[in-house]
Amino acid sequence: MQKLKRFSLLFLFLFTLPIAIGQLPFPNNEFSEKPKEPAHVVYAASQVLSTQQPLIQTNVPFHVLMLYTHSHESYKPVVAQSKGLQEVYDDQTNIYSMQQMMQHYFQLNQITSSVVDFDVMTELKSTGAKMYQAYGVMRPVLATKLSGENYDLVIDFHRDSATSKVTTLESNGERFAKIAFVVGAKHAGYEANLTYATALSEQLNRMMPGISRGVIKKEGEGVNGVYNQDLSPKMVLIELGGIDNTKEEIERTMAILAQAIRKAFMEITV
């Protein structure tokens, strides 16, 4: 009987031993709770802007006025394709006739546009005036247009007389007509025009290095030096490519120019 009692006590001890050991603070036997799910943190926009891309707000409407003082300036490949001729001036196939294409690219970038509907070089021919008088002939027409409405940018489009080597950029297997800006420095307010031209030139080259040839200041003897830019501080003169540029090269550049205008003057970081 005594032996049976000792056996029962031994059995009870061996049965409870694993439970007792499990309560001891050994590293491999610690009790653990299921980890809590981290609370979802919601940040206000102002709290996370520093780690995100800046928000861009587009300043619309933005209204561009286009004019063509040397309206019959043309591109040899474009005239050749249309008429089979090699001409740098044409009374039909010219920069003035490209206005709808230009307006299309502006529209794609939320830019509204108007045109000074005046064929200056046809007027020169009909009156017997000389080429150097073109700005004088355009001046009263432009002044009237500017007095009737407020424009955010005024562009006088021209075609440079330089050849393809100077006026063409190749990038990623595609060719583009280069742009040059001309600012007349012979009037008191030219620095405002210079600011607009410089901002747009720099934006173009940020988007596609080398597409802008920069800003050319014109002053001194033998040059116009004003180009009617005294009529508006927001007016720029753009040389869009040169005599050898193709229609495709010009259109590619117009697409970039419209985007550059939007980025330089319409988009505001908020």
Protein backbone atom coordinates (compact mmCIF):
# COMPACT_ATOMS: atom_id res chain seq x y z
CA MET A 1 0.00 0.00 0.00
CA GLN A 2 2.80 2.35 0.93
CA LYS A 3 4.53 1.45 -2.31
CA LEU A 4 1.39 2.23 -4.31
CA LYS A 5 1.11 5.64 -2.64
CA ARG A 6 4.73 6.49 -3.52
CA PHE A 7 4.11 5.42 -7.10
CA SER A 8 1.03 7.66 -7.34
CA LEU A 9 2.95 10.66 -6.02
CA LEU A 10 5.76 10.03 -8.52
CA PHE A 11 3.26 9.79 -11.35
CA LEU A 12 1.58 13.07 -10.31
CA PHE A 13 4.98 14.82 -10.10
CA LEU A 14 6.01 13.67 -13.58
CA PHE A 15 2.63 14.73 -15.01
CA THR A 16 2.80 18.28 -13.63
CA LEU A 17 6.52 18.86 -14.34
CA PRO A 18 6.14 19.98 -18.04
CA ILE A 19 3.42 22.44 -17.03
CA ALA A 20 5.60 23.96 -14.34
CA ILE A 21 8.57 24.19 -16.66
CA GLY A 22 6.40 25.92 -19.26
CA GLN A 23 5.72 28.72 -16.77
CA LEU A 24 9.42 29.47 -16.26
CA PRO A 25 10.85 32.54 -18.11
CA PHE A 26 13.12 30.63 -20.47
CA PRO A 27 13.81 32.53 -23.74
CA ASN A 28 12.33 29.89 -26.01
CA ASN A 29 9.19 29.52 -23.95
CA GLU A 30 8.05 33.13 -23.57
CA PHE A 31 4.38 33.78 -23.98
CA SER A 32 3.66 36.08 -26.89
CA GLU A 33 0.59 37.96 -27.93
CA LYS A 34 -0.50 38.28 -31.52
CA PRO A 35 1.04 41.55 -32.78
CA LYS A 36 -1.45 44.37 -33.14
CA GLU A 37 -2.22 45.66 -36.61
CA PRO A 38 -0.65 49.13 -37.02
CA ALA A 39 -3.22 51.88 -37.10
CA HIS A 40 -3.76 53.39 -40.59
CA VAL A 41 -2.47 56.97 -40.59
CA VAL A 42 -4.22 59.46 -42.83
CA TYR A 43 -2.22 62.56 -43.69
CA ALA A 44 -3.59 65.84 -44.87
CA ALA A 45 -2.25 66.91 -48.27
CA SER A 46 -0.06 69.60 -46.70
CA GLN A 47 1.64 66.98 -44.51
CA VAL A 48 2.88 64.80 -47.35
CA LEU A 49 3.69 67.32 -50.09
CA SER A 50 7.37 67.29 -49.15
CA THR A 51 7.68 63.64 -50.19
CA GLN A 52 5.48 63.81 -53.28
CA GLN A 53 5.65 65.52 -56.64
CA PRO A 54 4.39 69.11 -56.44
CA LEU A 55 0.80 69.67 -57.46
CA ILE A 56 0.40 71.66 -60.67
CA GLN A 57 -2.47 74.05 -61.22
CA THR A 58 -3.07 75.29 -64.75
CA ASN A 59 -3.81 78.97 -65.15
CA VAL A 60 -6.56 79.08 -67.77
CA PRO A 61 -7.76 80.69 -69.91
CA PHE A 62 -4.50 81.71 -71.57
CA HIS A 63 -4.86 83.69 -74.78
CA VAL A 64 -2.15 83.98 -77.44
CA LEU A 65 -2.25 86.44 -80.32
CA MET A 66 -0.40 85.33 -83.47
CA LEU A 67 0.79 87.55 -86.30
CA TYR A 68 2.99 87.15 -89.37
CA THR A 69 4.78 90.35 -90.34
CA HIS A 70 6.71 88.61 -93.14
CA SER A 71 3.67 86.59 -94.14
CA HIS A 72 5.06 85.03 -97.34
CA GLU A 73 8.19 83.54 -95.78
CA SER A 74 8.17 79.88 -96.74
CA TYR A 75 10.14 76.64 -96.48
CA LYS A 76 11.69 75.11 -99.59
CA PRO A 77 10.63 71.50 -98.87
CA VAL A 78 7.06 72.60 -98.12
CA VAL A 79 6.73 74.63 -101.33
CA ALA A 80 8.39 71.82 -103.32
CA GLN A 81 5.90 69.31 -101.96
CA SER A 82 2.97 71.58 -102.79
CA LYS A 83 4.06 73.14 -106.09
CA GLY A 84 7.24 71.41 -107.20
CA LEU A 85 9.18 74.67 -106.81
CA GLN A 86 12.22 75.64 -104.73
CA GLU A 87 11.07 78.92 -103.20
CA VAL A 88 11.74 80.71 -99.92
CA TYR A 89 8.85 83.16 -100.46
CA ASP A 90 5.44 82.16 -101.73
CA ASP A 91 2.11 83.95 -101.72
CA GLN A 92 0.15 80.79 -100.87
CA THR A 93 2.31 78.11 -99.26
CA ASN A 94 3.96 80.07 -96.47
CA ILE A 95 4.19 80.57 -92.72
CA TYR A 96 0.97 82.60 -92.72
CA SER A 97 -0.89 79.60 -94.16
CA MET A 98 0.25 77.44 -91.20
CA GLN A 99 -1.87 79.28 -88.65
CA GLN A 100 -4.50 76.53 -88.33
CA MET A 101 -1.84 73.92 -87.61
CA MET A 102 -0.35 76.19 -84.94
CA GLN A 103 -3.75 76.81 -83.38
CA HIS A 104 -4.33 73.05 -83.23
CA TYR A 105 -1.24 72.50 -81.07
CA PHE A 106 -2.17 75.44 -78.85
CA GLN A 107 -5.65 74.02 -78.36
CA LEU A 108 -4.20 70.67 -77.28
CA ASN A 109 -2.49 72.54 -74.44
CA GLN A 110 -5.55 74.53 -73.32
CA ILE A 111 -4.27 77.67 -75.05
CA THR A 112 -6.78 79.80 -76.89
CA SER A 113 -5.43 81.73 -79.84
CA SER A 114 -6.35 84.52 -82.21
CA VAL A 115 -4.71 85.65 -85.44
CA VAL A 116 -4.07 89.11 -86.81
CA ASP A 117 -5.80 88.39 -90.08
CA PHE A 118 -3.67 90.63 -92.24
CA ASP A 119 -1.44 89.46 -95.10
CA VAL A 120 1.27 92.10 -94.83
CA MET A 121 3.31 91.08 -97.86
CA THR A 122 0.27 91.09 -100.13
CA GLU A 123 -0.35 94.62 -98.88
CA LEU A 124 3.28 95.56 -99.60
CA LYS A 125 2.93 94.35 -103.18
CA SER A 126 -0.34 96.15 -103.75
CA THR A 127 1.01 99.47 -102.46
CA GLY A 128 4.53 99.17 -103.86
CA ALA A 129 6.07 99.34 -100.38
CA LYS A 130 9.44 97.72 -99.63
CA MET A 131 10.18 94.73 -97.43
CA TYR A 132 11.80 96.85 -94.71
CA GLN A 133 8.50 98.73 -94.37
CA ALA A 134 6.58 95.61 -93.33
CA TYR A 135 6.66 96.44 -89.61
CA GLY A 136 5.33 99.93 -90.28
CA VAL A 137 2.49 98.51 -92.37
CA MET A 138 1.62 95.98 -89.67
CA ARG A 139 1.86 98.46 -86.79
CA PRO A 140 -1.57 100.19 -86.92
CA VAL A 141 -3.34 96.88 -87.54
CA LEU A 142 -1.60 95.26 -84.56
CA ALA A 143 -2.20 98.30 -82.34
CA THR A 144 -5.92 98.14 -83.06
CA LYS A 145 -6.02 94.43 -82.27
CA LEU A 146 -4.19 94.93 -78.97
CA SER A 147 -6.46 97.78 -77.92
CA GLY A 148 -9.54 95.60 -78.21
CA GLU A 149 -8.51 92.70 -75.97
CA ASN A 150 -5.97 91.66 -73.36
CA TYR A 151 -3.58 88.91 -74.52
CA ASP A 152 -1.32 86.80 -72.31
CA LEU A 153 1.30 86.38 -75.03
CA VAL A 154 1.82 87.91 -78.48
CA ILE A 155 3.94 86.00 -81.03
CA ASP A 156 5.19 87.30 -84.36
CA PHE A 157 6.13 84.14 -86.29
CA HIS A 158 8.93 84.23 -88.85
CA ARG A 159 11.08 81.79 -90.83
CA ASP A 160 14.85 82.22 -90.50
CA SER A 161 16.97 82.56 -93.65
CA ALA A 162 19.61 80.18 -92.24
CA THR A 163 20.09 76.69 -93.69
CA SER A 164 19.42 73.25 -92.21
CA LYS A 165 22.82 72.97 -90.53
CA VAL A 166 21.90 75.89 -88.25
CA THR A 167 18.15 75.40 -87.89
CA THR A 168 17.70 71.64 -87.43
CA LEU A 169 18.03 69.48 -84.32
CA GLU A 170 18.12 65.68 -84.30
CA SER A 171 16.95 64.01 -81.11
CA ASN A 172 16.09 60.34 -80.53
CA GLY A 173 16.02 59.67 -84.24
CA GLU A 174 13.67 62.55 -85.07
CA ARG A 175 14.40 65.95 -86.57
CA PHE A 176 13.05 69.23 -85.27
CA ALA A 177 13.12 72.80 -86.55
CA LYS A 178 15.09 74.92 -84.12
CA ILE A 179 13.65 78.12 -82.69
CA ALA A 180 15.36 81.48 -82.22
CA PHE A 181 13.98 84.50 -80.37
CA VAL A 182 14.61 88.06 -81.53
CA VAL A 183 14.17 91.00 -79.17
CA GLY A 184 14.44 94.57 -80.37
CA ALA A 185 16.47 96.53 -77.82
CA LYS A 186 15.93 99.98 -79.30
CA HIS A 187 12.91 100.89 -77.20
CA ALA A 188 12.61 101.75 -73.52
CA GLY A 189 10.56 98.75 -72.41
CA TYR A 190 12.49 96.00 -74.20
CA GLU A 191 13.54 94.27 -70.95
CA ALA A 192 9.98 93.03 -70.45
CA ASN A 193 10.03 91.44 -73.92
CA LEU A 194 13.45 90.02 -73.13
CA THR A 195 12.11 88.42 -69.94
CA TYR A 196 9.31 86.65 -71.81
CA ALA A 197 11.62 85.47 -74.59
CA THR A 198 14.25 84.22 -72.15
CA ALA A 199 11.72 82.33 -70.02
CA LEU A 200 10.32 80.55 -73.06
CA SER A 201 13.74 79.80 -74.56
CA GLU A 202 14.95 78.27 -71.30
CA GLN A 203 11.80 76.20 -70.91
CA LEU A 204 12.20 74.82 -74.43
CA ASN A 205 15.77 73.76 -73.75
CA ARG A 206 14.80 72.13 -70.46
CA MET A 207 12.32 70.02 -72.37
CA MET A 208 14.59 69.32 -75.35
CA PRO A 209 18.18 70.54 -75.05
CA GLY A 210 19.27 72.51 -78.10
CA ILE A 211 15.87 73.13 -79.66
CA SER A 212 16.15 76.84 -78.88
CA ARG A 213 19.08 78.75 -80.33
CA GLY A 214 18.57 81.35 -77.64
CA VAL A 215 17.59 85.01 -77.58
CA ILE A 216 19.13 87.47 -80.03
CA LYS A 217 19.06 91.15 -79.06
CA LYS A 218 18.88 93.51 -82.02
CA GLU A 219 20.06 97.11 -81.72
CA GLY A 220 22.39 99.57 -83.37
CA GLU A 221 22.67 100.91 -86.88
CA GLY A 222 21.06 99.11 -89.79
CA VAL A 223 18.52 97.06 -87.81
CA ASN A 224 14.90 97.69 -86.94
CA GLY A 225 15.53 97.27 -83.22
CA VAL A 226 11.85 97.52 -82.24
CA TYR A 227 9.80 95.04 -84.33
CA ASN A 228 6.60 96.56 -82.87
CA GLN A 229 7.47 94.98 -79.52
CA ASP A 230 6.98 98.36 -77.87
CA LEU A 231 3.24 97.82 -78.39
CA SER A 232 3.15 94.99 -75.84
CA PRO A 233 5.57 93.91 -73.09
CA LYS A 234 4.36 90.33 -73.70
CA MET A 235 5.37 90.25 -77.35
CA VAL A 236 8.08 87.96 -78.72
CA LEU A 237 9.42 87.36 -82.22
CA ILE A 238 10.01 83.69 -83.02
CA GLU A 239 12.10 82.40 -85.91
CA LEU A 240 10.53 78.97 -86.47
CA GLY A 241 13.12 76.91 -88.31
CA GLY A 242 14.80 77.98 -91.54
CA ILE A 243 14.48 77.68 -95.29
CA ASP A 244 15.35 73.95 -95.38
CA ASN A 245 13.03 72.64 -92.69
CA THR A 246 10.22 70.26 -93.61
CA LYS A 247 6.57 70.40 -92.63
CA GLU A 248 7.08 67.46 -90.26
CA GLU A 249 10.02 69.15 -88.53
CA ILE A 250 8.03 72.36 -88.10
CA GLU A 251 5.01 70.53 -86.68
CA ARG A 252 7.13 68.58 -84.18
CA THR A 253 8.58 71.84 -82.95
CA MET A 254 5.16 73.49 -82.73
CA ALA A 255 4.02 70.65 -80.49
CA ILE A 256 6.98 71.30 -78.17
CA LEU A 257 6.52 75.08 -78.31
CA ALA A 258 2.88 74.84 -77.23
CA GLN A 259 3.86 72.62 -74.30
CA ALA A 260 6.65 75.01 -73.34
CA ILE A 261 4.25 77.96 -73.29
CA ARG A 262 1.96 76.02 -70.99
CA LYS A 263 4.77 75.07 -68.64
CA ALA A 264 6.47 78.48 -68.62
CA PHE A 265 3.43 80.72 -68.24
CA MET A 266 0.37 78.67 -67.30
CA GLU A 267 1.39 76.02 -64.78
CA ILE A 268 1.59 77.13 -61.15
CA THR A 269 3.07 74.91 -58.42
CA VAL A 270 0.74 74.74 -55.42
